[in-house]
Amino acid sequence: MKNKNAFAISLAVLLSTPSPSFADPHNGERIFLNRCAMCHGRDMTGTGPLADKSDPPTPNLTKPEFKKRLHDYPGVIVSSIILRANGDLIPRTLRENGVALPGFAWTVKDFRDLNEYMINVISKSK
C-alpha cells in the first residue's frame, strides 16, 4: 500500500509539471479514439455508442467543470480515472458489452499526450 501511495504521488507530481513541449497531441488523439471514444464519443460529449451502457452514464467532458479540472490538474484527472483503484467501471462496461481491448501499458507520456489532446479538443468546443 505504501508503494502504491508513493507511486500515485510521484505520478501526480510528474503529470502536474507543465511540459507542453513534451506532449504529443497526435498520440493523445490515437489513444482517445482507440480507447475512450466508444463511450465519450469523438467530440467528448458522452455520446459514443456505449455512452448509456455504464452506471453512472458516461459524462460529457466538454462541460466547464471538467475543462477547469483538466487545466487545474493536468494529467492527474485523466490518470486517476483510468487507474482508479476503487472499482472497475470502465473494464466492466466494456466486458458487459462484448468489447475486448488489448492490454495497454500506460506511461506518463501517454497520460500527458491524452491530456494535451483533450485540452485542445475541449477548448475548441462550445
N, C-alpha and C. Protein backbone atom coordinates (compact mmCIF):
# COMPACT_ATOMS: atom_id res chain seq x y z
N MET A 1 0.83 -1.19 0.00
CA MET A 1 0.00 0.00 0.00
C MET A 1 0.87 1.25 0.00
N LYS A 2 1.97 1.18 0.76
CA LYS A 2 2.88 2.32 0.85
C LYS A 2 3.49 2.63 -0.52
N ASN A 3 3.89 1.58 -1.25
CA ASN A 3 4.45 1.76 -2.59
C ASN A 3 3.42 2.32 -3.55
N LYS A 4 2.17 1.89 -3.41
CA LYS A 4 1.10 2.36 -4.27
C LYS A 4 0.88 3.86 -4.05
N ASN A 5 0.89 4.29 -2.78
CA ASN A 5 0.72 5.71 -2.47
C ASN A 5 1.90 6.52 -2.99
N ALA A 6 3.11 5.99 -2.83
CA ALA A 6 4.29 6.70 -3.32
C ALA A 6 4.24 6.83 -4.83
N PHE A 7 3.79 5.77 -5.52
CA PHE A 7 3.66 5.82 -6.98
C PHE A 7 2.63 6.87 -7.38
N ALA A 8 1.49 6.87 -6.70
CA ALA A 8 0.43 7.82 -7.03
C ALA A 8 0.91 9.27 -6.84
N ILE A 9 1.63 9.52 -5.76
CA ILE A 9 2.15 10.86 -5.51
C ILE A 9 3.18 11.24 -6.57
N SER A 10 4.07 10.31 -6.89
CA SER A 10 5.08 10.58 -7.93
C SER A 10 4.43 10.85 -9.27
N LEU A 11 3.42 10.07 -9.60
CA LEU A 11 2.72 10.25 -10.86
C LEU A 11 2.03 11.61 -10.90
N ALA A 12 1.40 11.99 -9.80
CA ALA A 12 0.72 13.28 -9.74
C ALA A 12 1.71 14.42 -9.92
N VAL A 13 2.87 14.33 -9.29
CA VAL A 13 3.89 15.38 -9.43
C VAL A 13 4.38 15.46 -10.86
N LEU A 14 4.68 14.30 -11.45
CA LEU A 14 5.16 14.28 -12.83
C LEU A 14 4.12 14.84 -13.80
N LEU A 15 2.89 14.44 -13.61
CA LEU A 15 1.85 14.87 -14.53
C LEU A 15 1.45 16.32 -14.34
N SER A 16 1.61 16.84 -13.15
CA SER A 16 1.21 18.23 -12.92
C SER A 16 2.30 19.22 -13.30
N THR A 17 3.47 18.72 -13.65
CA THR A 17 4.54 19.59 -14.11
C THR A 17 4.28 19.95 -15.57
N PRO A 18 3.98 21.21 -15.84
CA PRO A 18 3.68 21.58 -17.22
C PRO A 18 4.87 21.33 -18.14
N SER A 19 4.62 20.65 -19.23
CA SER A 19 5.66 20.42 -20.21
C SER A 19 5.05 20.23 -21.58
N PRO A 20 4.34 21.24 -22.07
CA PRO A 20 3.67 21.08 -23.36
C PRO A 20 4.63 20.69 -24.48
N SER A 21 5.90 21.05 -24.34
CA SER A 21 6.85 20.71 -25.40
C SER A 21 7.07 19.20 -25.49
N PHE A 22 6.74 18.46 -24.43
CA PHE A 22 6.91 17.02 -24.43
C PHE A 22 5.64 16.28 -24.83
N ALA A 23 4.52 16.96 -24.81
CA ALA A 23 3.25 16.31 -25.10
C ALA A 23 3.06 16.17 -26.60
N ASP A 24 2.51 15.04 -27.01
CA ASP A 24 2.24 14.76 -28.41
C ASP A 24 0.74 14.57 -28.58
N PRO A 25 0.03 15.63 -28.97
CA PRO A 25 -1.42 15.51 -29.09
C PRO A 25 -1.86 14.50 -30.14
N HIS A 26 -1.01 14.19 -31.12
CA HIS A 26 -1.38 13.18 -32.12
C HIS A 26 -1.43 11.80 -31.48
N ASN A 27 -0.49 11.51 -30.60
CA ASN A 27 -0.54 10.25 -29.85
C ASN A 27 -1.75 10.27 -28.93
N GLY A 28 -2.04 11.41 -28.31
CA GLY A 28 -3.21 11.54 -27.45
C GLY A 28 -4.50 11.28 -28.21
N GLU A 29 -4.56 11.79 -29.43
CA GLU A 29 -5.75 11.56 -30.26
C GLU A 29 -5.89 10.07 -30.57
N ARG A 30 -4.81 9.42 -30.93
CA ARG A 30 -4.83 7.99 -31.23
C ARG A 30 -5.33 7.20 -30.02
N ILE A 31 -4.80 7.53 -28.85
CA ILE A 31 -5.22 6.85 -27.63
C ILE A 31 -6.71 7.10 -27.37
N PHE A 32 -7.12 8.36 -27.46
CA PHE A 32 -8.52 8.68 -27.19
C PHE A 32 -9.46 7.95 -28.15
N LEU A 33 -9.17 8.01 -29.43
CA LEU A 33 -10.05 7.38 -30.41
C LEU A 33 -10.10 5.87 -30.25
N ASN A 34 -8.98 5.25 -29.87
CA ASN A 34 -8.94 3.80 -29.72
C ASN A 34 -9.46 3.30 -28.38
N ARG A 35 -9.42 4.12 -27.35
CA ARG A 35 -9.71 3.63 -26.01
C ARG A 35 -10.82 4.38 -25.27
N CYS A 36 -11.20 5.56 -25.74
CA CYS A 36 -12.13 6.39 -24.97
C CYS A 36 -13.39 6.77 -25.75
N ALA A 37 -13.25 6.95 -27.07
CA ALA A 37 -14.35 7.49 -27.88
C ALA A 37 -15.56 6.57 -27.91
N MET A 38 -15.36 5.27 -27.70
CA MET A 38 -16.51 4.36 -27.75
C MET A 38 -17.55 4.72 -26.67
N CYS A 39 -17.12 5.36 -25.61
CA CYS A 39 -18.07 5.82 -24.59
C CYS A 39 -18.26 7.34 -24.65
N HIS A 40 -17.16 8.06 -24.72
CA HIS A 40 -17.24 9.53 -24.65
C HIS A 40 -17.57 10.18 -25.99
N GLY A 41 -17.48 9.43 -27.09
CA GLY A 41 -17.74 9.99 -28.41
C GLY A 41 -16.51 10.74 -28.92
N ARG A 42 -16.40 10.87 -30.22
CA ARG A 42 -15.25 11.56 -30.81
C ARG A 42 -15.18 13.01 -30.34
N ASP A 43 -16.35 13.60 -30.06
CA ASP A 43 -16.40 15.01 -29.64
C ASP A 43 -16.37 15.18 -28.12
N MET A 44 -16.24 14.09 -27.40
CA MET A 44 -16.11 14.07 -25.93
C MET A 44 -17.36 14.51 -25.19
N THR A 45 -18.52 14.50 -25.86
CA THR A 45 -19.75 14.93 -25.21
C THR A 45 -20.51 13.80 -24.53
N GLY A 46 -19.91 12.61 -24.47
CA GLY A 46 -20.57 11.49 -23.80
C GLY A 46 -21.63 10.84 -24.67
N THR A 47 -21.41 10.85 -25.98
CA THR A 47 -22.41 10.32 -26.90
C THR A 47 -21.89 9.16 -27.75
N GLY A 48 -20.87 8.47 -27.28
CA GLY A 48 -20.35 7.32 -28.00
C GLY A 48 -21.34 6.17 -27.96
N PRO A 49 -21.10 5.13 -28.76
CA PRO A 49 -22.05 4.01 -28.83
C PRO A 49 -22.29 3.29 -27.50
N LEU A 50 -21.35 3.36 -26.57
CA LEU A 50 -21.55 2.72 -25.26
C LEU A 50 -21.87 3.71 -24.15
N ALA A 51 -22.15 4.95 -24.50
CA ALA A 51 -22.34 6.01 -23.50
C ALA A 51 -23.41 5.70 -22.47
N ASP A 52 -24.51 5.13 -22.91
CA ASP A 52 -25.62 4.88 -21.98
C ASP A 52 -25.56 3.49 -21.36
N LYS A 53 -24.46 2.79 -21.56
CA LYS A 53 -24.33 1.43 -21.04
C LYS A 53 -23.67 1.37 -19.66
N SER A 54 -23.08 2.47 -19.22
CA SER A 54 -22.41 2.44 -17.91
C SER A 54 -23.32 3.05 -16.85
N ASP A 55 -23.05 2.70 -15.62
CA ASP A 55 -23.80 3.24 -14.50
C ASP A 55 -22.81 3.71 -13.45
N PRO A 56 -22.60 4.99 -13.30
CA PRO A 56 -23.35 6.11 -13.88
C PRO A 56 -23.04 6.28 -15.36
N PRO A 57 -23.94 6.98 -16.08
CA PRO A 57 -23.73 7.20 -17.51
C PRO A 57 -22.43 7.96 -17.79
N THR A 58 -21.94 7.79 -18.99
CA THR A 58 -20.70 8.44 -19.42
C THR A 58 -20.87 9.96 -19.39
N PRO A 59 -19.94 10.67 -18.74
CA PRO A 59 -20.09 12.12 -18.64
C PRO A 59 -19.68 12.86 -19.92
N ASN A 60 -20.23 14.04 -20.06
CA ASN A 60 -19.86 14.98 -21.12
C ASN A 60 -18.59 15.67 -20.64
N LEU A 61 -17.48 15.44 -21.33
CA LEU A 61 -16.20 16.00 -20.90
C LEU A 61 -15.99 17.44 -21.36
N THR A 62 -16.95 17.98 -22.10
CA THR A 62 -16.79 19.36 -22.58
C THR A 62 -17.44 20.39 -21.65
N LYS A 63 -18.01 19.93 -20.55
CA LYS A 63 -18.64 20.86 -19.60
C LYS A 63 -17.58 21.71 -18.92
N PRO A 64 -17.93 22.93 -18.55
CA PRO A 64 -16.96 23.85 -17.93
C PRO A 64 -16.26 23.28 -16.69
N GLU A 65 -16.97 22.51 -15.87
CA GLU A 65 -16.36 21.95 -14.66
C GLU A 65 -15.19 21.03 -15.01
N PHE A 66 -15.39 20.20 -16.04
CA PHE A 66 -14.33 19.27 -16.42
C PHE A 66 -13.18 20.01 -17.08
N LYS A 67 -13.48 21.01 -17.90
CA LYS A 67 -12.43 21.82 -18.52
C LYS A 67 -11.54 22.42 -17.44
N LYS A 68 -12.17 22.96 -16.40
CA LYS A 68 -11.41 23.58 -15.31
C LYS A 68 -10.52 22.56 -14.62
N ARG A 69 -11.06 21.38 -14.34
CA ARG A 69 -10.27 20.34 -13.68
C ARG A 69 -9.09 19.91 -14.54
N LEU A 70 -9.30 19.79 -15.85
CA LEU A 70 -8.20 19.41 -16.74
C LEU A 70 -7.08 20.45 -16.71
N HIS A 71 -7.47 21.72 -16.71
CA HIS A 71 -6.47 22.79 -16.69
C HIS A 71 -5.80 22.92 -15.33
N ASP A 72 -6.57 22.75 -14.25
CA ASP A 72 -6.02 22.90 -12.90
C ASP A 72 -5.12 21.73 -12.50
N TYR A 73 -5.43 20.56 -12.97
CA TYR A 73 -4.68 19.36 -12.59
C TYR A 73 -4.29 18.58 -13.85
N PRO A 74 -3.35 19.10 -14.64
CA PRO A 74 -3.01 18.47 -15.92
C PRO A 74 -2.58 17.01 -15.76
N GLY A 75 -3.27 16.15 -16.48
CA GLY A 75 -2.92 14.73 -16.47
C GLY A 75 -3.41 13.95 -15.28
N VAL A 76 -3.57 14.60 -14.16
CA VAL A 76 -3.96 13.90 -12.93
C VAL A 76 -5.39 13.36 -13.06
N ILE A 77 -6.29 14.17 -13.60
CA ILE A 77 -7.67 13.73 -13.74
C ILE A 77 -7.74 12.52 -14.66
N VAL A 78 -7.08 12.61 -15.80
CA VAL A 78 -7.08 11.51 -16.77
C VAL A 78 -6.52 10.24 -16.15
N SER A 79 -5.35 10.33 -15.53
CA SER A 79 -4.73 9.14 -14.96
C SER A 79 -5.52 8.57 -13.80
N SER A 80 -6.11 9.44 -12.97
CA SER A 80 -6.86 8.93 -11.82
C SER A 80 -8.11 8.19 -12.26
N ILE A 81 -8.71 8.60 -13.35
CA ILE A 81 -9.90 7.90 -13.85
C ILE A 81 -9.50 6.56 -14.45
N ILE A 82 -8.45 6.57 -15.25
CA ILE A 82 -8.02 5.34 -15.93
C ILE A 82 -7.47 4.33 -14.93
N LEU A 83 -6.72 4.79 -13.96
CA LEU A 83 -6.09 3.89 -12.99
C LEU A 83 -6.88 3.76 -11.69
N ARG A 84 -8.12 4.17 -11.71
CA ARG A 84 -8.92 4.20 -10.48
C ARG A 84 -8.80 2.89 -9.71
N ALA A 85 -8.59 3.04 -8.45
CA ALA A 85 -8.40 1.85 -7.61
C ALA A 85 -9.71 1.40 -6.97
N ASN A 86 -10.76 2.21 -7.06
CA ASN A 86 -11.99 1.93 -6.32
C ASN A 86 -13.09 1.34 -7.18
N GLY A 87 -12.74 0.55 -8.13
CA GLY A 87 -13.77 -0.07 -8.95
C GLY A 87 -13.29 -0.32 -10.36
N ASP A 88 -14.15 -0.97 -11.11
CA ASP A 88 -13.75 -1.27 -12.48
C ASP A 88 -14.84 -0.88 -13.45
N LEU A 89 -15.38 0.32 -13.28
CA LEU A 89 -16.48 0.79 -14.12
C LEU A 89 -16.15 0.67 -15.60
N ILE A 90 -14.99 1.15 -16.00
CA ILE A 90 -14.64 1.12 -17.42
C ILE A 90 -14.46 -0.31 -17.91
N PRO A 91 -13.61 -1.13 -17.27
CA PRO A 91 -13.48 -2.52 -17.76
C PRO A 91 -14.80 -3.30 -17.71
N ARG A 92 -15.58 -3.09 -16.65
CA ARG A 92 -16.85 -3.81 -16.53
C ARG A 92 -17.80 -3.42 -17.66
N THR A 93 -17.91 -2.13 -17.93
CA THR A 93 -18.79 -1.66 -19.01
C THR A 93 -18.38 -2.27 -20.34
N LEU A 94 -17.06 -2.29 -20.59
CA LEU A 94 -16.57 -2.88 -21.84
C LEU A 94 -16.88 -4.37 -21.89
N ARG A 95 -16.57 -5.09 -20.80
CA ARG A 95 -16.83 -6.54 -20.74
C ARG A 95 -18.30 -6.85 -20.99
N GLU A 96 -19.17 -6.13 -20.29
CA GLU A 96 -20.61 -6.39 -20.38
C GLU A 96 -21.16 -6.11 -21.77
N ASN A 97 -20.44 -5.36 -22.56
CA ASN A 97 -20.89 -5.03 -23.90
C ASN A 97 -20.05 -5.70 -24.99
N GLY A 98 -19.30 -6.72 -24.59
CA GLY A 98 -18.55 -7.53 -25.54
C GLY A 98 -17.38 -6.84 -26.20
N VAL A 99 -16.85 -5.79 -25.57
CA VAL A 99 -15.71 -5.08 -26.13
C VAL A 99 -14.45 -5.59 -25.44
N ALA A 100 -13.54 -6.13 -26.22
CA ALA A 100 -12.27 -6.62 -25.68
C ALA A 100 -11.15 -5.75 -26.21
N LEU A 101 -10.61 -4.92 -25.35
CA LEU A 101 -9.47 -4.09 -25.74
C LEU A 101 -8.19 -4.85 -25.43
N PRO A 102 -7.22 -4.75 -26.32
CA PRO A 102 -5.93 -5.39 -26.00
C PRO A 102 -5.29 -4.68 -24.81
N GLY A 103 -4.44 -5.40 -24.11
CA GLY A 103 -3.73 -4.80 -22.98
C GLY A 103 -2.97 -3.56 -23.41
N PHE A 104 -2.83 -2.63 -22.50
CA PHE A 104 -2.16 -1.38 -22.81
C PHE A 104 -1.42 -0.93 -21.56
N ALA A 105 -0.12 -0.80 -21.66
CA ALA A 105 0.69 -0.35 -20.52
C ALA A 105 0.79 1.18 -20.60
N TRP A 106 0.07 1.86 -19.73
CA TRP A 106 0.05 3.32 -19.71
C TRP A 106 1.39 3.86 -19.22
N THR A 107 1.86 4.90 -19.88
CA THR A 107 3.08 5.58 -19.45
C THR A 107 2.71 7.01 -19.07
N VAL A 108 3.62 7.68 -18.38
CA VAL A 108 3.39 9.09 -18.05
C VAL A 108 3.21 9.88 -19.34
N LYS A 109 3.99 9.55 -20.36
CA LYS A 109 3.89 10.25 -21.64
C LYS A 109 2.49 10.06 -22.24
N ASP A 110 1.94 8.86 -22.14
CA ASP A 110 0.58 8.63 -22.66
C ASP A 110 -0.43 9.53 -21.96
N PHE A 111 -0.32 9.64 -20.64
CA PHE A 111 -1.24 10.49 -19.90
C PHE A 111 -1.08 11.95 -20.31
N ARG A 112 0.16 12.39 -20.48
CA ARG A 112 0.39 13.78 -20.91
C ARG A 112 -0.17 14.01 -22.30
N ASP A 113 0.08 13.07 -23.20
CA ASP A 113 -0.39 13.21 -24.57
C ASP A 113 -1.92 13.24 -24.62
N LEU A 114 -2.55 12.34 -23.88
CA LEU A 114 -4.00 12.29 -23.85
C LEU A 114 -4.56 13.56 -23.24
N ASN A 115 -3.96 14.02 -22.17
CA ASN A 115 -4.40 15.26 -21.53
C ASN A 115 -4.29 16.44 -22.50
N GLU A 116 -3.17 16.53 -23.20
CA GLU A 116 -2.96 17.62 -24.15
C GLU A 116 -4.00 17.58 -25.27
N TYR A 117 -4.24 16.40 -25.80
CA TYR A 117 -5.24 16.25 -26.85
C TYR A 117 -6.62 16.67 -26.34
N MET A 118 -6.99 16.19 -25.15
CA MET A 118 -8.30 16.52 -24.60
C MET A 118 -8.44 18.02 -24.37
N ILE A 119 -7.42 18.65 -23.84
CA ILE A 119 -7.48 20.10 -23.63
C ILE A 119 -7.68 20.81 -24.96
N ASN A 120 -6.96 20.39 -26.00
CA ASN A 120 -7.11 21.01 -27.31
C ASN A 120 -8.53 20.88 -27.85
N VAL A 121 -9.11 19.69 -27.76
CA VAL A 121 -10.45 19.46 -28.27
C VAL A 121 -11.49 20.21 -27.42
N ILE A 122 -11.36 20.10 -26.12
CA ILE A 122 -12.35 20.71 -25.23
C ILE A 122 -12.31 22.23 -25.31
N SER A 123 -11.13 22.80 -25.47
CA SER A 123 -11.04 24.27 -25.55
C SER A 123 -11.69 24.79 -26.81
N LYS A 124 -11.83 23.96 -27.83
CA LYS A 124 -12.48 24.37 -29.08
C LYS A 124 -13.98 24.13 -29.05
N SER A 125 -14.46 23.35 -28.07
CA SER A 125 -15.90 23.07 -28.00
C SER A 125 -16.63 24.28 -27.42
N LYS A 126 -17.90 24.33 -27.72
CA LYS A 126 -18.70 25.49 -27.26
C LYS A 126 -19.46 25.17 -26.02
